[in-house]
Amino acid sequence: MQRMRRLAAVLLLCSCALAAQTKKIVVYNPGPGQVEDFQAVSSRVKIVAANAANVQAEIADADGFIGVITPEMFSAAKKLKWVGVMSAGVENVLFVPGADAFRNSDVTLTNNKEVQGIEIADHAMAMLLYTSRGLNVFAENRRTETWQPRPYGGIELRGKTALIIGVGGIGTNIALRAWAFGMHVIGVDPEDKPIVAYIDRIIKPDQLDEVVPLADVVFISAPDTPKSHKMFGAKEFELMKQHSYFIAVSRGGIYDMPGLVKALDSKKLAGAGVDVTDPEPLPKGHPLWQFDNVMITPHVAGRSDLDNGRMLGTIKDNIGRFADGLPLINVVDKQKGY
């Protein structure tokens, strides 16, 4: 009996020692003060900065990694348990050549989904208002000091239909704003979603072509995965309602750029706003630049005065949870890509 007690005590001490082990977390190309900020979260982790020159060596014995991990980095990691990316999109981690080993591993991937939905939704609505209220015309008139109140073709959003492709953190926030403007909202998402007052209905992606003709504005807010890539193609642009609007704020890979250009050139679309393009950056000389009724921004919809704090907050929450052996938040399904 005494021997059993001693054995139990030894096992307890061993388990406590294992729990108390310091976990190494490598941060790739950290910003100013970021290492110290992350280190302050817990004494049970050791935060180590890395760059292109030393990341292969540092990741070899790392338990966690913060940043965009490449297949080469992953192949050098021997004991990795967690990868945390700062962005919402993870296609550059999961769906690049050579990423199969990481995607099929038991290493947990977390991201910043939900975190950037607020400012991206604000940006999407700003793009819609810019085009639907004809603010592009007045911006040009200001440059030429022209006072021209008529003709004016601004439209009222109340009663119009918004089609939102991707009802995650971004799409849900767009839906709430569109509803507040008095719009009818239809969502498109592969996942089952709870019933909410500000979305009339949500359909599956295989029903997309049935609802595109109903939309006065189409919002692209889905992640770029093998299943969603180019899901809004040339056919869908042809199905769009005459004088409708197109807004893309998640990833340029979701929609067909030639189809968008054709829809604008034929005057089918009354306007468009794109924060994301394919190719990206949008090169000089690209035909999309020629349209006066298109707002183009350089992938900045996710930036605001508050987004960085929220993004770092998610990472810091996970550092603390990782140190304590607790379940992480914002875990990505690596096969689905979101």
Protein backbone atom coordinates (compact mmCIF):
# COMPACT_ATOMS: atom_id res chain seq x y z
CA MET A 1 0.00 0.00 0.00
CA GLN A 2 2.85 2.34 0.92
CA ARG A 3 4.55 1.49 -2.34
CA MET A 4 1.41 2.41 -4.25
CA ARG A 5 1.26 5.76 -2.46
CA ARG A 6 4.87 6.49 -3.35
CA LEU A 7 4.20 5.56 -6.97
CA ALA A 8 1.15 7.85 -7.06
CA ALA A 9 3.18 10.68 -5.58
CA VAL A 10 5.91 10.21 -8.19
CA LEU A 11 3.35 10.20 -11.00
CA LEU A 12 1.76 13.36 -9.59
CA LEU A 13 5.12 15.10 -9.45
CA CYS A 14 5.89 14.03 -13.02
CA SER A 15 2.55 15.31 -14.29
CA CYS A 16 3.07 18.62 -12.50
CA ALA A 17 6.54 18.91 -13.96
CA LEU A 18 5.21 18.26 -17.45
CA ALA A 19 2.45 20.85 -16.98
CA ALA A 20 4.99 23.37 -15.78
CA GLN A 21 7.30 22.90 -18.76
CA THR A 22 7.91 26.10 -20.67
CA LYS A 23 6.50 26.02 -24.18
CA LYS A 24 8.44 27.71 -26.94
CA ILE A 25 6.44 29.90 -29.33
CA VAL A 26 8.15 31.37 -32.38
CA VAL A 27 6.81 34.67 -33.74
CA TYR A 28 7.72 35.29 -37.37
CA ASN A 29 8.69 38.87 -38.21
CA PRO A 30 7.11 40.41 -35.10
CA GLY A 31 6.23 44.09 -34.94
CA PRO A 32 7.82 46.56 -32.52
CA GLY A 33 7.29 45.49 -28.92
CA GLN A 34 5.27 42.44 -29.96
CA VAL A 35 7.60 39.85 -28.43
CA GLU A 36 7.51 41.60 -25.06
CA ASP A 37 3.73 42.00 -25.30
CA PHE A 38 3.23 38.31 -26.01
CA GLN A 39 5.75 37.24 -23.36
CA ALA A 40 3.84 39.19 -20.71
CA VAL A 41 0.83 36.90 -21.21
CA SER A 42 2.37 33.92 -19.40
CA SER A 43 5.58 32.83 -17.71
CA ARG A 44 4.92 29.32 -18.97
CA VAL A 45 5.85 30.24 -22.55
CA LYS A 46 9.05 31.47 -24.11
CA ILE A 47 8.42 33.87 -27.00
CA VAL A 48 11.18 33.85 -29.61
CA ALA A 49 11.43 36.19 -32.62
CA ALA A 50 12.39 34.75 -35.98
CA ASN A 51 13.01 35.99 -39.50
CA ALA A 52 13.84 34.41 -42.84
CA ALA A 53 17.45 33.88 -41.80
CA ASN A 54 16.84 31.83 -38.65
CA VAL A 55 13.25 30.56 -38.76
CA GLN A 56 14.22 27.03 -39.89
CA ALA A 57 16.46 26.62 -36.85
CA GLU A 58 14.08 28.23 -34.36
CA ILE A 59 10.99 26.31 -35.46
CA ALA A 60 12.73 22.94 -35.10
CA ASP A 61 11.99 22.70 -31.36
CA ALA A 62 9.03 25.09 -31.21
CA ASP A 63 5.70 24.11 -29.66
CA GLY A 64 3.85 27.02 -31.27
CA PHE A 65 4.29 29.33 -34.25
CA ILE A 66 2.66 32.70 -34.91
CA GLY A 67 2.69 33.81 -38.54
CA VAL A 68 2.21 32.39 -42.02
CA ILE A 69 3.90 29.00 -41.99
CA THR A 70 5.31 27.66 -45.26
CA PRO A 71 5.71 23.98 -46.20
CA GLU A 72 9.48 24.39 -45.76
CA MET A 73 9.03 25.75 -42.25
CA PHE A 74 6.60 22.99 -41.34
CA SER A 75 8.96 20.28 -42.56
CA ALA A 76 11.61 21.62 -40.17
CA ALA A 77 9.24 21.60 -37.15
CA LYS A 78 9.63 18.49 -34.99
CA LYS A 79 7.22 19.11 -32.09
CA LEU A 80 4.80 21.77 -33.31
CA LYS A 81 1.31 21.74 -31.77
CA TRP A 82 -0.19 25.11 -32.75
CA VAL A 83 0.03 27.64 -35.59
CA GLY A 84 -1.73 30.99 -35.17
CA VAL A 85 -2.17 33.32 -38.14
CA MET A 86 -3.06 36.99 -37.73
CA SER A 87 -5.42 37.16 -40.72
CA ALA A 88 -8.87 35.69 -41.26
CA GLY A 89 -7.97 34.06 -44.58
CA VAL A 90 -5.78 30.95 -44.41
CA GLU A 91 -5.57 29.90 -48.06
CA ASN A 92 -1.91 30.96 -48.14
CA VAL A 93 -1.23 28.37 -45.43
CA LEU A 94 -3.54 25.50 -46.38
CA PHE A 95 -3.91 25.55 -50.15
CA VAL A 96 -0.47 26.31 -51.54
CA PRO A 97 1.77 23.72 -53.24
CA GLY A 98 3.30 21.42 -50.63
CA ALA A 99 0.79 22.29 -47.88
CA ASP A 100 -0.74 18.80 -47.73
CA ALA A 101 1.52 17.70 -44.86
CA PHE A 102 0.42 20.58 -42.65
CA ARG A 103 -3.23 20.38 -43.71
CA ASN A 104 -3.40 16.67 -42.87
CA SER A 105 -1.42 16.95 -39.63
CA ASP A 106 -2.82 17.14 -36.09
CA VAL A 107 -1.32 20.60 -35.58
CA THR A 108 -4.05 23.06 -34.56
CA LEU A 109 -4.50 26.14 -36.77
CA THR A 110 -6.19 29.29 -35.48
CA ASN A 111 -6.96 32.55 -37.26
CA ASN A 112 -8.70 35.89 -36.77
CA LYS A 113 -12.09 35.03 -38.22
CA GLU A 114 -14.90 37.14 -36.77
CA VAL A 115 -12.38 39.75 -35.56
CA GLN A 116 -12.27 41.85 -38.76
CA GLY A 117 -15.94 41.58 -39.68
CA ILE A 118 -16.87 44.98 -38.27
CA GLU A 119 -14.59 47.21 -40.32
CA ILE A 120 -14.85 45.08 -43.46
CA ALA A 121 -18.64 45.34 -43.33
CA ASP A 122 -18.34 49.13 -42.88
CA HIS A 123 -16.08 49.21 -45.94
CA ALA A 124 -18.49 47.12 -48.00
CA MET A 125 -21.40 49.42 -47.22
CA ALA A 126 -19.23 52.49 -47.94
CA MET A 127 -18.47 51.06 -51.38
CA LEU A 128 -22.15 50.43 -52.04
CA LEU A 129 -23.13 53.94 -50.95
CA TYR A 130 -20.31 55.49 -52.98
CA THR A 131 -21.66 53.94 -56.17
CA SER A 132 -25.40 53.84 -55.44
CA ARG A 133 -25.45 57.51 -54.41
CA GLY A 134 -23.27 58.60 -57.32
CA LEU A 135 -20.54 60.00 -55.08
CA ASN A 136 -17.96 59.13 -57.74
CA VAL A 137 -19.55 61.79 -59.97
CA PHE A 138 -19.42 64.44 -57.26
CA ALA A 139 -15.81 63.58 -56.46
CA GLU A 140 -14.93 64.38 -60.06
CA ASN A 141 -17.07 67.52 -60.02
CA ARG A 142 -15.16 68.76 -56.99
CA ARG A 143 -11.88 68.44 -58.85
CA THR A 144 -13.26 70.53 -61.71
CA GLU A 145 -15.20 72.89 -59.39
CA THR A 146 -18.42 71.99 -61.17
CA TRP A 147 -21.81 72.49 -59.47
CA GLN A 148 -24.17 70.13 -61.29
CA PRO A 149 -27.16 68.87 -59.26
CA ARG A 150 -29.02 67.37 -62.25
CA PRO A 151 -29.35 64.77 -63.58
CA TYR A 152 -28.95 62.72 -60.42
CA GLY A 153 -29.40 58.94 -60.33
CA GLY A 154 -28.91 58.08 -56.66
CA ILE A 155 -30.97 55.12 -55.52
CA GLU A 156 -32.70 54.24 -52.25
CA LEU A 157 -31.52 51.01 -50.57
CA ARG A 158 -34.73 50.44 -48.65
CA GLY A 159 -36.66 47.59 -50.21
CA LYS A 160 -33.74 46.41 -52.35
CA THR A 161 -32.31 42.89 -52.06
CA ALA A 162 -28.79 42.13 -50.86
CA LEU A 163 -27.24 38.75 -51.70
CA ILE A 164 -24.37 37.95 -49.34
CA ILE A 165 -22.04 35.13 -50.39
CA GLY A 166 -20.40 33.86 -47.21
CA VAL A 167 -22.27 34.41 -43.95
CA GLY A 168 -19.37 34.20 -41.52
CA GLY A 169 -17.92 37.01 -39.42
CA ILE A 170 -17.81 39.42 -42.36
CA GLY A 171 -21.05 38.42 -44.04
CA THR A 172 -23.05 38.50 -40.81
CA ASN A 173 -21.93 42.08 -40.15
CA ILE A 174 -22.77 43.08 -43.73
CA ALA A 175 -26.21 41.50 -43.33
CA LEU A 176 -26.89 43.47 -40.16
CA ARG A 177 -25.95 46.75 -41.85
CA ALA A 178 -27.92 46.00 -45.02
CA TRP A 179 -30.97 45.13 -42.91
CA ALA A 180 -30.59 48.39 -41.00
CA PHE A 181 -30.84 50.21 -44.35
CA GLY A 182 -34.16 48.44 -44.95
CA MET A 183 -32.85 45.85 -47.40
CA HIS A 184 -34.04 42.27 -47.82
CA VAL A 185 -31.12 39.93 -47.16
CA ILE A 186 -30.39 36.52 -48.69
CA GLY A 187 -27.31 34.62 -47.53
CA VAL A 188 -25.31 31.91 -49.27
CA ASP A 189 -23.27 29.57 -47.08
CA PRO A 190 -22.37 25.85 -47.01
CA GLU A 191 -22.88 25.67 -43.23
CA ASP A 192 -26.16 25.60 -41.33
CA LYS A 193 -26.70 28.97 -39.67
CA PRO A 194 -29.02 30.03 -36.83
CA ILE A 195 -32.16 31.97 -37.68
CA VAL A 196 -31.66 35.71 -37.19
CA ALA A 197 -34.07 38.59 -37.75
CA TYR A 198 -31.84 40.44 -40.20
CA ILE A 199 -31.42 37.61 -42.76
CA ASP A 200 -34.54 36.52 -44.63
CA ARG A 201 -33.10 33.17 -45.69
CA ILE A 202 -29.84 31.33 -46.26
CA ILE A 203 -29.35 28.95 -49.15
CA LYS A 204 -26.58 26.51 -50.04
CA PRO A 205 -23.97 27.32 -52.71
CA ASP A 206 -25.54 24.88 -55.19
CA GLN A 207 -28.63 27.14 -55.24
CA LEU A 208 -26.63 30.30 -56.04
CA ASP A 209 -27.84 30.67 -59.61
CA GLU A 210 -31.47 30.65 -58.42
CA VAL A 211 -31.03 33.78 -56.30
CA VAL A 212 -28.49 35.85 -58.28
CA PRO A 213 -31.22 37.32 -60.55
CA LEU A 214 -33.08 38.55 -57.44
CA ALA A 215 -30.19 40.62 -56.10
CA ASP A 216 -29.86 44.38 -56.40
CA VAL A 217 -26.41 44.05 -54.86
CA VAL A 218 -24.11 41.05 -54.51
CA PHE A 219 -21.58 41.03 -51.67
CA ILE A 220 -18.60 38.67 -51.78
CA SER A 221 -17.54 37.85 -48.21
CA ALA A 222 -16.55 34.17 -48.39
CA PRO A 223 -13.12 32.64 -47.74
CA ASP A 224 -11.13 31.40 -50.73
CA THR A 225 -11.12 27.60 -50.60
CA PRO A 226 -11.00 24.91 -53.32
CA LYS A 227 -14.80 24.72 -53.19
CA SER A 228 -15.45 28.49 -53.28
CA HIS A 229 -12.70 29.49 -55.74
CA LYS A 230 -14.30 31.29 -58.74
CA MET A 231 -17.76 30.27 -57.53
CA PHE A 232 -19.09 33.59 -58.84
CA GLY A 233 -18.12 33.08 -62.47
CA ALA A 234 -18.93 34.57 -65.84
CA LYS A 235 -22.30 32.79 -65.81
CA GLU A 236 -23.29 34.40 -62.51
CA PHE A 237 -22.39 37.88 -63.77
CA GLU A 238 -24.65 37.27 -66.76
CA LEU A 239 -27.45 36.27 -64.40
CA MET A 240 -27.22 39.49 -62.41
CA LYS A 241 -30.11 41.94 -62.51
CA GLN A 242 -29.80 44.92 -64.84
CA HIS A 243 -28.40 47.98 -63.03
CA SER A 244 -27.34 45.98 -59.97
CA TYR A 245 -24.16 46.39 -57.91
CA PHE A 246 -21.24 44.10 -57.09
CA ILE A 247 -19.09 44.44 -53.94
CA ALA A 248 -16.11 42.15 -53.11
CA VAL A 249 -14.34 42.45 -49.76
CA SER A 250 -13.00 38.99 -48.81
CA ARG A 251 -10.81 37.41 -51.51
CA GLY A 252 -10.39 38.13 -55.21
CA GLY A 253 -10.25 34.42 -55.99
CA ILE A 254 -13.97 34.03 -55.34
CA TYR A 255 -15.12 35.87 -58.47
CA ASP A 256 -14.28 35.90 -62.18
CA MET A 257 -12.53 39.17 -63.02
CA PRO A 258 -13.19 39.03 -66.82
CA GLY A 259 -16.86 38.44 -66.02
CA LEU A 260 -16.93 41.56 -63.84
CA VAL A 261 -15.25 43.67 -66.52
CA LYS A 262 -17.70 42.43 -69.14
CA ALA A 263 -20.70 43.17 -66.90
CA LEU A 264 -19.45 46.72 -66.35
CA ASP A 265 -18.55 47.29 -70.00
CA SER A 266 -22.01 46.15 -71.15
CA LYS A 267 -23.65 48.52 -68.63
CA LYS A 268 -25.36 45.60 -66.91
CA LEU A 269 -23.93 46.74 -63.59
CA ALA A 270 -24.67 50.19 -62.21
CA GLY A 271 -21.46 50.07 -60.20
CA ALA A 272 -18.96 47.95 -58.30
CA GLY A 273 -16.60 48.12 -55.38
CA VAL A 274 -13.64 45.78 -54.98
CA ASP A 275 -11.14 45.70 -52.14
CA VAL A 276 -9.79 42.34 -53.37
CA THR A 277 -8.83 41.35 -56.89
CA ASP A 278 -7.32 38.52 -58.88
CA PRO A 279 -4.63 39.34 -59.87
CA GLU A 280 -3.59 41.27 -56.77
CA PRO A 281 -2.21 43.91 -56.73
CA LEU A 282 -4.33 45.02 -59.67
CA PRO A 283 -1.73 45.91 -62.32
CA LYS A 284 -1.53 49.21 -64.15
CA GLY A 285 -3.34 49.03 -67.47
CA HIS A 286 -5.93 46.53 -66.22
CA PRO A 287 -9.34 47.30 -67.78
CA LEU A 288 -11.03 47.54 -64.38
CA TRP A 289 -9.24 50.84 -63.75
CA GLN A 290 -11.08 52.52 -66.64
CA PHE A 291 -14.57 52.50 -65.12
CA ASP A 292 -15.69 55.67 -63.33
CA ASN A 293 -18.43 53.76 -61.46
CA VAL A 294 -15.99 51.37 -59.77
CA MET A 295 -14.38 51.96 -56.38
CA ILE A 296 -11.06 50.10 -56.07
CA THR A 297 -9.23 49.94 -52.74
CA PRO A 298 -5.94 48.06 -52.16
CA HIS A 299 -7.05 45.26 -49.79
CA VAL A 300 -7.49 47.60 -46.82
CA ALA A 301 -11.07 46.82 -45.77
CA GLY A 302 -9.81 44.96 -42.71
CA ARG A 303 -7.86 47.92 -41.38
CA SER A 304 -9.18 50.36 -38.81
CA ASP A 305 -8.17 52.22 -35.67
CA LEU A 306 -9.29 49.25 -33.56
CA ASP A 307 -8.64 46.11 -35.62
CA ASN A 308 -5.01 45.60 -34.59
CA GLY A 309 -5.94 45.51 -30.92
CA ARG A 310 -8.61 42.89 -31.57
CA MET A 311 -6.28 40.79 -33.72
CA LEU A 312 -3.48 40.87 -31.15
CA GLY A 313 -6.06 40.19 -28.45
CA THR A 314 -7.08 36.91 -30.09
CA ILE A 315 -3.45 35.83 -30.38
CA LYS A 316 -2.75 36.74 -26.75
CA ASP A 317 -5.84 34.86 -25.58
CA ASN A 318 -4.57 31.80 -27.39
CA ILE A 319 -1.05 32.15 -26.01
CA GLY A 320 -2.52 32.05 -22.51
CA ARG A 321 -4.76 29.11 -23.34
CA PHE A 322 -1.90 27.26 -25.04
CA ALA A 323 0.31 27.81 -21.99
CA ASP A 324 -2.37 26.40 -19.70
CA GLY A 325 -3.27 23.48 -21.95
CA LEU A 326 -6.79 24.81 -22.58
CA PRO A 327 -8.76 24.54 -25.86
CA LEU A 328 -7.84 27.32 -28.30
CA ILE A 329 -10.31 29.80 -29.80
CA ASN A 330 -10.90 30.53 -33.51
CA VAL A 331 -9.80 27.04 -34.53
CA VAL A 332 -9.83 26.47 -38.29
CA ASP A 333 -11.12 23.30 -39.93
CA LYS A 334 -8.03 22.69 -42.06
CA GLN A 335 -9.88 20.57 -44.60
CA LYS A 336 -12.64 23.11 -45.16
CA GLY A 337 -10.30 26.12 -44.97
CA TYR A 338 -12.31 28.20 -42.49
